[in-house]
Amino acid sequence: MKILREKQIVRVLSLSFLLVNCGGNAPELPRDTPASTSPQNETLKIWWARGYYIPEDEALEAIVNEWQQQTGNKIELSFMSHDDILKDAENALNAGNPPDIVYSTRVEEQLIPRWAWNGKLADVSDAIAPLKEIYSPAALQSVSLYNKAAKKRSNYAIPIQQRTVHIHYWRDLLAEAGLREEDIPQEWDAFWQFWRQAQDNLRRQGREEIYSLGLPFSSKAGDTYSTFQQILEAYDIELLDEQGNLLIQNAEVRKKIIAALTWYVDFYRQGYVPPDAKIWTDGSNNTAFLNQKVVMTINPTLSIPSSQREEEEEIYRDRIATIEFPNEPDGEVPKYRVAVKQIALFAASPRQEMAKDFLQYFIQPEHLGPYIEGALGRYFPVMPQLAAEPFWNDPADPHISVAVRQFQTEKTRPSYQSLNPAYTDVQAENIWGQAIEQAIAGRSPEEAVDEAIARIEEIFAAWNR
């Protein structure tokens, strides 16, 4: 797979070049977008994390230009790296000079629930209201956030797209292992044993370099958090109740978490995961998979097949496959935790009405649809009617067609951050990733889980002071 390795290196270098050129404290304006000459108080300031694919940015630029032409208003659109935008937005907010609008595919994970809690975000319910009926319930629930200052729960962000975890595997490696796709089980234990068998068969053929599972085991990887969160979901482990109160102190919940953690770390202990998975960062599993070091991997977006879509169609359509999770251990069909990506409007913005007008324009299906499609399937619509568009319903597409089934309304649940903003710190510290690291380093699962529970309780206590 030398070609794939070189392709990945080229993609990484290209991305690094973009980040170097759009990082820093003074974010650059987008391609071919001149700096506005309008007075500052008449220009809407938008900070936006640069897309992973050029069509994403081009779609946004087109929407901005159309809105400017129709309204006569001006937008100063600044593209920034995903790393810089969170730090710079926090610094600007603390300095009293934030942009009007900010968007990143990570901002809802770490900052939006906190900002809403502290009264830093504008209530955008009136911008969402005209389209409320066409949003999925999980999307609306994800932006129903609590404002401690106002002592109310309301819509403090705009949902635009979502992601969840997907399973990918190499068809040719599976065939090399003497196994057939049609024999992949749907029963939980049999499903995971099937992938163990793939590695065992390859080992007997002398393929010592290939592992069956590309699972992350590092606290440095957000993928570890996302993957283990889905395992907890599969085992029907509820960490918070509907009011956002912790349930982890319950002895039965603790027992279930320990069982889930033990199940997960056993793959590493038994040698079915690459040894360096304990130091992986985000993207490491992508690289291991694309270089065929693992037969199967779990990933929180469709970025792995999407990376091959444009230039390696044979790999995209014929060699890589995407499948749903197996039935849960209790036999129920899988449910998926979804992360809904959100746009924030700061309460400090002096251009509230102008900003809401733009946001309402942006989320019209005819505008939002092309923007999401520009990500080549990496993210999925939060409006079911957009999921009915031809892009999402090509029966010959082996990846997006599976994601459509995963995102069926009755099978999705929002992340815990929408129930209690304190959970943003659980994710930011990657508490479950730390517990996994400790367990594979020699601590018992009981000790690792108890330490994780204690830290989560500390986090929630600090928020409630």
Protein backbone atom coordinates (compact mmCIF):
# COMPACT_ATOMS: atom_id res chain seq x y z
CA MET A 1 0.00 0.00 0.00
CA LYS A 2 2.83 2.40 -0.80
CA ILE A 3 0.53 4.61 -2.86
CA LEU A 4 -1.81 5.10 0.06
CA ARG A 5 1.02 6.03 2.40
CA GLU A 6 2.32 8.62 -0.04
CA LYS A 7 -1.19 9.93 -0.54
CA GLN A 8 -1.63 10.38 3.18
CA ILE A 9 1.69 12.20 3.50
CA VAL A 10 0.72 14.57 0.70
CA ARG A 11 -2.62 15.28 2.40
CA VAL A 12 -0.96 15.93 5.75
CA LEU A 13 1.62 18.26 4.23
CA SER A 14 -1.09 20.13 2.32
CA LEU A 15 -3.15 20.59 5.47
CA SER A 16 -0.11 21.72 7.43
CA PHE A 17 0.58 24.35 4.78
CA LEU A 18 -2.96 25.67 5.10
CA LEU A 19 -2.79 25.81 8.89
CA VAL A 20 0.51 27.66 8.88
CA ASN A 21 -0.92 30.22 6.51
CA CYS A 22 -4.15 30.80 8.41
CA GLY A 23 -3.05 30.51 12.01
CA GLY A 24 -1.95 33.25 14.36
CA ASN A 25 -3.72 36.00 16.16
CA ALA A 26 -4.75 37.85 13.01
CA PRO A 27 -6.80 35.34 10.98
CA GLU A 28 -6.66 35.69 7.22
CA LEU A 29 -9.62 36.56 5.05
CA PRO A 30 -10.89 33.83 2.74
CA ARG A 31 -9.72 33.27 -0.80
CA ASP A 32 -10.73 36.08 -3.17
CA THR A 33 -12.68 37.89 -0.42
CA PRO A 34 -11.44 41.50 -0.13
CA ALA A 35 -11.35 43.24 3.22
CA SER A 36 -14.52 45.24 3.75
CA THR A 37 -14.31 49.04 3.59
CA SER A 38 -17.61 49.47 5.47
CA PRO A 39 -17.57 51.08 8.91
CA GLN A 40 -16.75 48.53 11.58
CA ASN A 41 -20.16 48.74 13.27
CA GLU A 42 -21.92 47.89 9.98
CA THR A 43 -19.84 44.84 9.18
CA LEU A 44 -20.70 41.40 10.55
CA LYS A 45 -17.60 39.61 11.83
CA ILE A 46 -17.61 35.85 11.34
CA TRP A 47 -14.82 33.48 12.40
CA TRP A 48 -15.08 30.08 10.74
CA ALA A 49 -12.85 27.03 10.99
CA ARG A 50 -11.47 26.21 7.57
CA GLY A 51 -13.07 23.12 6.04
CA TYR A 52 -11.30 19.83 5.49
CA TYR A 53 -12.22 20.07 1.81
CA ILE A 54 -12.15 23.11 -0.47
CA PRO A 55 -15.83 22.72 -1.58
CA GLU A 56 -16.90 23.39 2.04
CA ASP A 57 -15.23 26.79 2.06
CA GLU A 58 -16.40 27.61 -1.44
CA ALA A 59 -20.00 26.82 -0.50
CA LEU A 60 -19.78 29.11 2.54
CA GLU A 61 -18.23 31.90 0.51
CA ALA A 62 -21.04 31.62 -2.04
CA ILE A 63 -23.69 31.87 0.70
CA VAL A 64 -21.93 34.91 2.22
CA ASN A 65 -21.68 36.66 -1.14
CA GLU A 66 -25.34 35.98 -1.98
CA TRP A 67 -26.53 37.29 1.38
CA GLN A 68 -24.41 40.44 1.03
CA GLN A 69 -25.84 41.09 -2.42
CA GLN A 70 -29.42 40.55 -1.29
CA THR A 71 -29.24 42.59 1.92
CA GLY A 72 -26.60 45.21 1.20
CA ASN A 73 -24.90 44.28 4.46
CA LYS A 74 -21.21 43.42 4.73
CA ILE A 75 -19.47 40.40 6.22
CA GLU A 76 -15.86 40.12 7.27
CA LEU A 77 -15.33 36.36 6.96
CA SER A 78 -12.15 35.00 8.54
CA PHE A 79 -11.08 31.40 8.02
CA MET A 80 -8.93 29.97 10.80
CA SER A 81 -7.44 26.64 11.76
CA HIS A 82 -9.44 24.37 14.07
CA ASP A 83 -6.73 24.68 16.73
CA ASP A 84 -6.44 28.46 16.60
CA ILE A 85 -10.11 29.37 16.45
CA LEU A 86 -11.02 27.97 19.87
CA LYS A 87 -8.10 29.66 21.61
CA ASP A 88 -8.55 32.95 19.77
CA ALA A 89 -12.31 33.02 20.38
CA GLU A 90 -11.77 32.52 24.11
CA ASN A 91 -9.11 35.24 24.20
CA ALA A 92 -11.28 37.67 22.23
CA LEU A 93 -14.27 36.99 24.46
CA ASN A 94 -12.22 37.57 27.61
CA ALA A 95 -10.85 40.77 26.11
CA GLY A 96 -14.37 42.02 25.36
CA ASN A 97 -13.91 41.99 21.59
CA PRO A 98 -15.29 38.71 20.21
CA PRO A 99 -16.53 38.23 16.65
CA ASP A 100 -20.29 38.24 16.15
CA ILE A 101 -20.43 34.61 15.01
CA VAL A 102 -18.03 31.70 15.48
CA TYR A 103 -18.07 28.18 14.07
CA SER A 104 -15.80 25.17 14.43
CA THR A 105 -16.52 21.45 14.36
CA ARG A 106 -15.03 21.33 17.87
CA VAL A 107 -16.58 24.38 19.51
CA GLU A 108 -19.72 22.58 20.71
CA GLU A 109 -17.60 19.92 22.38
CA GLN A 110 -15.63 22.28 24.59
CA LEU A 111 -16.98 25.83 24.65
CA ILE A 112 -20.60 26.39 23.57
CA PRO A 113 -22.24 24.73 26.62
CA ARG A 114 -19.85 26.67 28.91
CA TRP A 115 -20.51 29.96 27.14
CA ALA A 116 -24.27 29.40 27.32
CA TRP A 117 -24.03 28.53 31.04
CA ASN A 118 -22.16 31.78 31.71
CA GLY A 119 -24.58 33.93 29.71
CA LYS A 120 -22.09 34.69 26.93
CA LEU A 121 -24.28 33.54 24.03
CA ALA A 122 -27.33 35.09 22.42
CA ASP A 123 -30.64 33.24 22.48
CA VAL A 124 -31.18 32.27 18.83
CA SER A 125 -34.57 30.60 19.26
CA ASP A 126 -36.19 33.13 16.93
CA ALA A 127 -33.69 32.27 14.17
CA ILE A 128 -34.42 28.54 14.53
CA ALA A 129 -38.20 28.84 15.01
CA PRO A 130 -39.28 29.06 11.33
CA LEU A 131 -37.38 25.82 10.57
CA LYS A 132 -37.93 24.03 13.87
CA GLU A 133 -40.26 21.44 12.37
CA ILE A 134 -37.68 20.20 9.85
CA TYR A 135 -34.87 19.64 12.37
CA SER A 136 -34.27 16.23 13.93
CA PRO A 137 -35.20 15.98 17.64
CA ALA A 138 -31.59 15.16 18.57
CA ALA A 139 -30.38 18.33 16.83
CA LEU A 140 -32.83 20.54 18.70
CA GLN A 141 -32.07 18.86 22.01
CA SER A 142 -28.35 19.41 21.50
CA VAL A 143 -28.78 23.22 21.39
CA SER A 144 -31.25 23.42 24.26
CA LEU A 145 -28.70 24.70 26.76
CA TYR A 146 -28.94 26.11 30.25
CA ASN A 147 -28.08 29.73 30.95
CA LYS A 148 -27.26 29.99 34.66
CA ALA A 149 -27.23 33.78 34.55
CA ALA A 150 -30.75 33.96 33.07
CA LYS A 151 -31.88 30.83 34.94
CA LYS A 152 -33.45 29.33 31.84
CA ARG A 153 -32.88 26.69 29.17
CA SER A 154 -33.20 27.84 25.57
CA ASN A 155 -31.57 27.60 22.13
CA TYR A 156 -28.14 29.17 22.47
CA ALA A 157 -26.63 27.79 19.25
CA ILE A 158 -27.64 26.88 15.69
CA PRO A 159 -27.35 23.18 14.74
CA ILE A 160 -26.09 22.61 11.20
CA GLN A 161 -24.63 19.10 10.85
CA GLN A 162 -23.72 16.00 12.85
CA ARG A 163 -21.34 13.09 13.12
CA THR A 164 -21.20 9.70 14.79
CA VAL A 165 -18.88 6.70 14.83
CA HIS A 166 -18.56 4.35 11.85
CA ILE A 167 -16.90 0.98 11.28
CA HIS A 168 -14.69 0.50 8.21
CA TYR A 169 -12.85 -2.58 6.99
CA TRP A 170 -10.71 -3.73 4.06
CA ARG A 171 -12.51 -6.18 1.81
CA ASP A 172 -9.27 -7.58 0.38
CA LEU A 173 -7.69 -8.18 3.80
CA LEU A 174 -10.83 -9.95 4.95
CA ALA A 175 -10.73 -12.18 1.88
CA GLU A 176 -7.02 -12.80 2.46
CA ALA A 177 -7.95 -13.99 5.95
CA GLY A 178 -10.32 -16.51 4.39
CA LEU A 179 -13.47 -14.80 5.69
CA ARG A 180 -16.54 -13.57 3.82
CA GLU A 181 -18.35 -10.28 4.23
CA GLU A 182 -21.74 -11.95 4.19
CA ASP A 183 -20.69 -13.95 7.25
CA ILE A 184 -20.06 -10.92 9.48
CA PRO A 185 -22.31 -11.60 12.50
CA GLN A 186 -24.82 -9.16 13.95
CA GLU A 187 -24.71 -10.63 17.46
CA TRP A 188 -22.39 -8.56 19.69
CA ASP A 189 -19.88 -11.15 20.95
CA ALA A 190 -19.81 -13.07 17.67
CA PHE A 191 -19.17 -9.84 15.75
CA TRP A 192 -16.03 -9.00 17.70
CA GLN A 193 -14.82 -12.59 17.67
CA PHE A 194 -15.08 -12.50 13.87
CA TRP A 195 -12.40 -9.79 13.73
CA ARG A 196 -10.19 -11.66 16.18
CA GLN A 197 -10.46 -14.63 13.83
CA ALA A 198 -9.35 -12.47 10.91
CA GLN A 199 -6.08 -11.65 12.68
CA ASP A 200 -5.55 -15.24 13.81
CA ASN A 201 -5.94 -16.45 10.23
CA LEU A 202 -3.54 -13.81 8.89
CA ARG A 203 -0.97 -14.68 11.54
CA ARG A 204 -1.02 -18.30 10.40
CA GLN A 205 -0.12 -17.00 6.95
CA GLY A 206 2.86 -15.12 8.35
CA ARG A 207 1.24 -11.67 8.22
CA GLU A 208 2.63 -10.54 11.56
CA GLU A 209 2.36 -6.84 10.69
CA ILE A 210 -1.44 -6.78 10.42
CA TYR A 211 -3.75 -6.39 13.41
CA SER A 212 -7.47 -6.96 13.40
CA LEU A 213 -8.65 -3.80 15.18
CA GLY A 214 -7.64 -0.16 14.82
CA LEU A 215 -9.01 0.93 18.19
CA PRO A 216 -7.52 4.00 19.95
CA PHE A 217 -6.16 3.64 23.51
CA SER A 218 -4.62 7.06 24.10
CA SER A 219 -5.92 10.03 26.07
CA LYS A 220 -4.28 12.22 23.41
CA ALA A 221 -6.87 11.08 20.86
CA GLY A 222 -10.39 12.44 20.91
CA ASP A 223 -11.27 9.29 18.97
CA THR A 224 -10.68 7.30 22.19
CA TYR A 225 -13.37 9.33 23.92
CA SER A 226 -15.82 9.01 20.99
CA THR A 227 -15.25 5.28 20.59
CA PHE A 228 -15.60 4.44 24.28
CA GLN A 229 -18.65 6.70 24.58
CA GLN A 230 -20.27 4.54 21.90
CA ILE A 231 -19.31 1.37 23.77
CA LEU A 232 -20.97 2.74 26.91
CA GLU A 233 -24.05 3.41 24.79
CA ALA A 234 -24.02 -0.14 23.45
CA TYR A 235 -24.01 -1.46 27.02
CA ASP A 236 -26.96 0.86 27.88
CA ILE A 237 -24.89 2.73 30.46
CA GLU A 238 -26.47 6.08 31.30
CA LEU A 239 -24.02 8.51 32.89
CA LEU A 240 -26.51 11.38 33.36
CA ASP A 241 -30.26 11.50 33.83
CA GLU A 242 -32.54 13.74 31.76
CA GLN A 243 -32.00 16.59 34.24
CA GLY A 244 -28.23 16.37 33.80
CA ASN A 245 -27.54 14.82 37.19
CA LEU A 246 -24.70 12.30 37.56
CA LEU A 247 -25.60 8.64 37.81
CA ILE A 248 -22.09 7.24 38.08
CA GLN A 249 -22.21 7.09 41.88
CA ASN A 250 -24.78 4.29 41.55
CA ALA A 251 -23.15 0.93 42.32
CA GLU A 252 -24.83 -0.79 39.37
CA VAL A 253 -23.71 1.91 36.93
CA ARG A 254 -20.14 1.65 38.26
CA LYS A 255 -20.23 -2.12 37.81
CA LYS A 256 -21.36 -1.75 34.19
CA ILE A 257 -18.65 0.83 33.41
CA ILE A 258 -15.99 -1.51 34.81
CA ALA A 259 -17.33 -4.35 32.66
CA ALA A 260 -17.30 -2.16 29.53
CA LEU A 261 -13.76 -0.91 30.23
CA THR A 262 -12.53 -4.46 30.84
CA TRP A 263 -14.11 -5.61 27.59
CA TYR A 264 -12.41 -2.78 25.69
CA VAL A 265 -8.90 -3.08 27.13
CA ASP A 266 -8.88 -6.87 26.65
CA PHE A 267 -8.44 -6.30 22.91
CA TYR A 268 -5.16 -4.52 23.62
CA ARG A 269 -4.00 -7.00 26.26
CA GLN A 270 -4.71 -9.93 23.93
CA GLY A 271 -2.69 -8.39 21.09
CA TYR A 272 -5.48 -7.62 18.62
CA VAL A 273 -4.63 -3.90 18.50
CA PRO A 274 -1.35 -2.31 17.29
CA PRO A 275 0.97 -1.74 20.28
CA ASP A 276 1.41 1.95 19.41
CA ALA A 277 -2.36 2.55 19.75
CA LYS A 278 -1.57 3.65 23.31
CA ILE A 279 0.16 6.76 21.92
CA TRP A 280 -2.11 7.48 18.96
CA THR A 281 -3.41 10.97 18.33
CA ASP A 282 -6.43 11.87 16.21
CA GLY A 283 -5.77 10.64 12.70
CA SER A 284 -3.41 7.84 13.74
CA ASN A 285 -6.08 5.20 13.24
CA ASN A 286 -6.79 6.68 9.79
CA THR A 287 -3.14 6.30 8.85
CA ALA A 288 -2.90 2.77 10.26
CA PHE A 289 -6.01 1.74 8.38
CA LEU A 290 -5.11 3.36 5.06
CA ASN A 291 -1.70 1.69 5.22
CA GLN A 292 -3.43 -1.65 5.83
CA LYS A 293 -1.89 -2.22 9.23
CA VAL A 294 -5.36 -3.03 10.57
CA VAL A 295 -8.26 -4.92 9.03
CA MET A 296 -10.99 -2.87 10.71
CA THR A 297 -11.23 0.48 12.49
CA ILE A 298 -13.79 2.74 14.16
CA ASN A 299 -13.82 6.44 13.27
CA PRO A 300 -16.00 9.36 14.43
CA THR A 301 -16.60 10.63 10.86
CA LEU A 302 -16.53 9.23 7.33
CA SER A 303 -13.15 10.92 6.81
CA ILE A 304 -11.37 7.63 6.03
CA PRO A 305 -13.35 6.68 2.90
CA SER A 306 -13.87 10.36 2.02
CA SER A 307 -10.10 10.80 1.77
CA GLN A 308 -10.14 8.36 -1.16
CA ARG A 309 -13.33 9.54 -2.86
CA GLU A 310 -11.95 11.97 -5.41
CA GLU A 311 -8.74 10.32 -6.62
CA GLU A 312 -8.96 6.68 -5.61
CA GLU A 313 -12.47 5.67 -6.68
CA GLU A 314 -11.62 1.96 -6.86
CA ILE A 315 -10.48 2.05 -3.23
CA TYR A 316 -13.50 4.12 -2.20
CA ARG A 317 -16.13 2.01 -3.90
CA ASP A 318 -14.66 -1.49 -4.05
CA ARG A 319 -11.98 -2.07 -1.41
CA ILE A 320 -13.10 -0.17 1.70
CA ALA A 321 -16.46 -1.07 3.24
CA THR A 322 -18.52 0.64 5.94
CA ILE A 323 -20.93 -1.23 8.19
CA GLU A 324 -23.18 -0.46 11.11
CA PHE A 325 -22.40 -1.55 14.64
CA PRO A 326 -23.71 -4.99 15.57
CA ASN A 327 -26.76 -5.40 17.74
CA GLU A 328 -26.13 -4.37 21.33
CA PRO A 329 -25.22 -7.00 23.94
CA ASP A 330 -28.88 -7.21 24.97
CA GLY A 331 -29.91 -7.88 21.36
CA GLU A 332 -31.39 -4.45 20.64
CA VAL A 333 -30.54 -2.62 17.42
CA PRO A 334 -27.65 -0.16 17.88
CA LYS A 335 -28.26 3.41 18.98
CA TYR A 336 -25.70 6.10 18.21
CA ARG A 337 -24.43 9.05 20.22
CA VAL A 338 -24.23 11.96 17.80
CA ALA A 339 -22.19 15.13 18.07
CA VAL A 340 -24.18 17.99 16.56
CA LYS A 341 -22.02 20.76 15.11
CA GLN A 342 -23.20 24.24 16.06
CA ILE A 343 -22.79 27.92 15.27
CA ALA A 344 -22.61 30.42 18.15
CA LEU A 345 -23.68 34.07 18.24
CA PHE A 346 -22.12 36.01 21.11
CA ALA A 347 -24.39 37.99 23.41
CA ALA A 348 -21.89 40.85 23.24
CA SER A 349 -22.49 41.31 19.51
CA PRO A 350 -23.89 44.79 18.73
CA ARG A 351 -25.29 43.37 15.48
CA GLN A 352 -27.73 40.79 16.87
CA GLU A 353 -30.50 41.23 14.31
CA MET A 354 -28.11 41.30 11.38
CA ALA A 355 -26.38 38.17 12.66
CA LYS A 356 -29.65 36.31 13.18
CA ASP A 357 -30.78 37.29 9.69
CA PHE A 358 -27.61 35.78 8.23
CA LEU A 359 -27.91 32.64 10.35
CA GLN A 360 -31.51 32.13 9.27
CA TYR A 361 -30.43 32.60 5.65
CA PHE A 362 -27.55 30.14 6.08
CA ILE A 363 -29.72 27.34 7.50
CA GLN A 364 -32.32 27.47 4.75
CA PRO A 365 -32.19 23.95 3.26
CA GLU A 366 -31.24 25.25 -0.21
CA HIS A 367 -28.15 26.91 1.30
CA LEU A 368 -27.19 24.53 4.10
CA GLY A 369 -27.51 21.45 1.89
CA PRO A 370 -24.67 22.31 -0.54
CA TYR A 371 -22.45 23.35 2.36
CA ILE A 372 -22.81 19.96 4.07
CA GLU A 373 -22.35 18.09 0.79
CA GLY A 374 -19.11 20.01 0.33
CA ALA A 375 -17.65 17.92 3.16
CA LEU A 376 -18.04 14.82 0.93
CA GLY A 377 -20.01 12.88 3.53
CA ARG A 378 -17.73 13.65 6.45
CA TYR A 379 -20.72 15.15 8.28
CA PHE A 380 -24.42 14.41 7.93
CA PRO A 381 -27.52 16.65 7.76
CA VAL A 382 -29.55 17.44 10.88
CA MET A 383 -32.60 18.08 8.72
CA PRO A 384 -34.15 14.80 7.54
CA GLN A 385 -35.37 16.41 4.32
CA LEU A 386 -31.77 17.17 3.32
CA ALA A 387 -30.89 13.52 3.88
CA ALA A 388 -33.43 12.73 1.15
CA GLU A 389 -31.34 14.54 -1.47
CA PRO A 390 -29.65 12.41 -4.19
CA PHE A 391 -26.16 12.93 -2.72
CA TRP A 392 -27.14 10.89 0.35
CA ASN A 393 -29.09 8.20 -1.49
CA ASP A 394 -26.79 6.69 -4.06
CA PRO A 395 -27.25 2.93 -3.55
CA ALA A 396 -23.88 2.36 -5.19
CA ASP A 397 -22.09 4.39 -2.50
CA PRO A 398 -20.88 1.84 0.06
CA HIS A 399 -20.32 4.38 2.83
CA ILE A 400 -22.87 7.19 2.78
CA SER A 401 -25.71 4.71 2.26
CA VAL A 402 -24.73 3.05 5.56
CA ALA A 403 -24.48 6.39 7.39
CA VAL A 404 -28.03 7.21 6.26
CA ARG A 405 -29.25 4.17 8.17
CA GLN A 406 -27.18 5.08 11.23
CA PHE A 407 -28.63 8.58 11.39
CA GLN A 408 -32.26 7.49 11.33
CA THR A 409 -34.02 9.65 13.90
CA GLU A 410 -35.04 6.88 16.26
CA LYS A 411 -31.45 5.60 16.46
CA THR A 412 -29.65 8.79 17.50
CA ARG A 413 -29.08 10.42 20.88
CA PRO A 414 -27.34 13.76 21.57
CA SER A 415 -24.10 14.07 23.50
CA TYR A 416 -24.18 14.57 27.26
CA GLN A 417 -22.97 18.17 26.97
CA SER A 418 -26.49 19.29 26.10
CA LEU A 419 -27.77 17.88 29.42
CA ASN A 420 -25.03 19.40 31.58
CA PRO A 421 -22.22 21.71 30.41
CA ALA A 422 -19.89 20.21 33.04
CA TYR A 423 -19.52 17.23 30.73
CA THR A 424 -17.54 19.42 28.34
CA ASP A 425 -14.67 19.20 30.83
CA VAL A 426 -15.01 15.41 30.97
CA GLN A 427 -14.44 15.37 27.23
CA ALA A 428 -11.76 18.08 27.24
CA GLU A 429 -9.73 16.12 29.80
CA ASN A 430 -10.57 12.87 28.00
CA ILE A 431 -11.36 11.19 31.32
CA TRP A 432 -12.31 7.89 29.70
CA GLY A 433 -9.13 7.95 27.59
CA GLN A 434 -7.12 8.39 30.77
CA ALA A 435 -8.90 5.45 32.40
CA ILE A 436 -8.15 3.27 29.37
CA GLU A 437 -4.47 4.28 29.43
CA GLN A 438 -4.22 3.38 33.10
CA ALA A 439 -5.87 0.01 32.57
CA ILE A 440 -3.48 -1.07 29.83
CA ALA A 441 -0.54 0.24 31.89
CA GLY A 442 -1.26 -2.24 34.65
CA ARG A 443 -3.90 -0.74 36.92
CA SER A 444 -7.03 -2.80 37.46
CA PRO A 445 -10.18 -1.71 35.61
CA GLU A 446 -11.79 -1.12 39.00
CA GLU A 447 -9.05 1.30 40.04
CA ALA A 448 -9.10 3.09 36.69
CA VAL A 449 -12.88 3.50 36.74
CA ASP A 450 -12.96 4.64 40.35
CA GLU A 451 -10.38 7.31 39.61
CA ALA A 452 -12.36 8.43 36.56
CA ILE A 453 -15.58 8.60 38.59
CA ALA A 454 -13.86 10.60 41.31
CA ARG A 455 -12.51 13.11 38.80
CA ILE A 456 -15.90 13.46 37.08
CA GLU A 457 -17.52 14.13 40.46
CA GLU A 458 -14.91 16.83 41.13
CA ILE A 459 -15.66 18.46 37.78
CA PHE A 460 -19.40 18.52 38.37
CA ALA A 461 -18.96 19.78 41.93
CA ALA A 462 -16.84 22.68 40.65
CA TRP A 463 -19.55 23.66 38.16
CA ASN A 464 -22.21 23.61 40.87
CA ARG A 465 -20.39 25.96 43.24
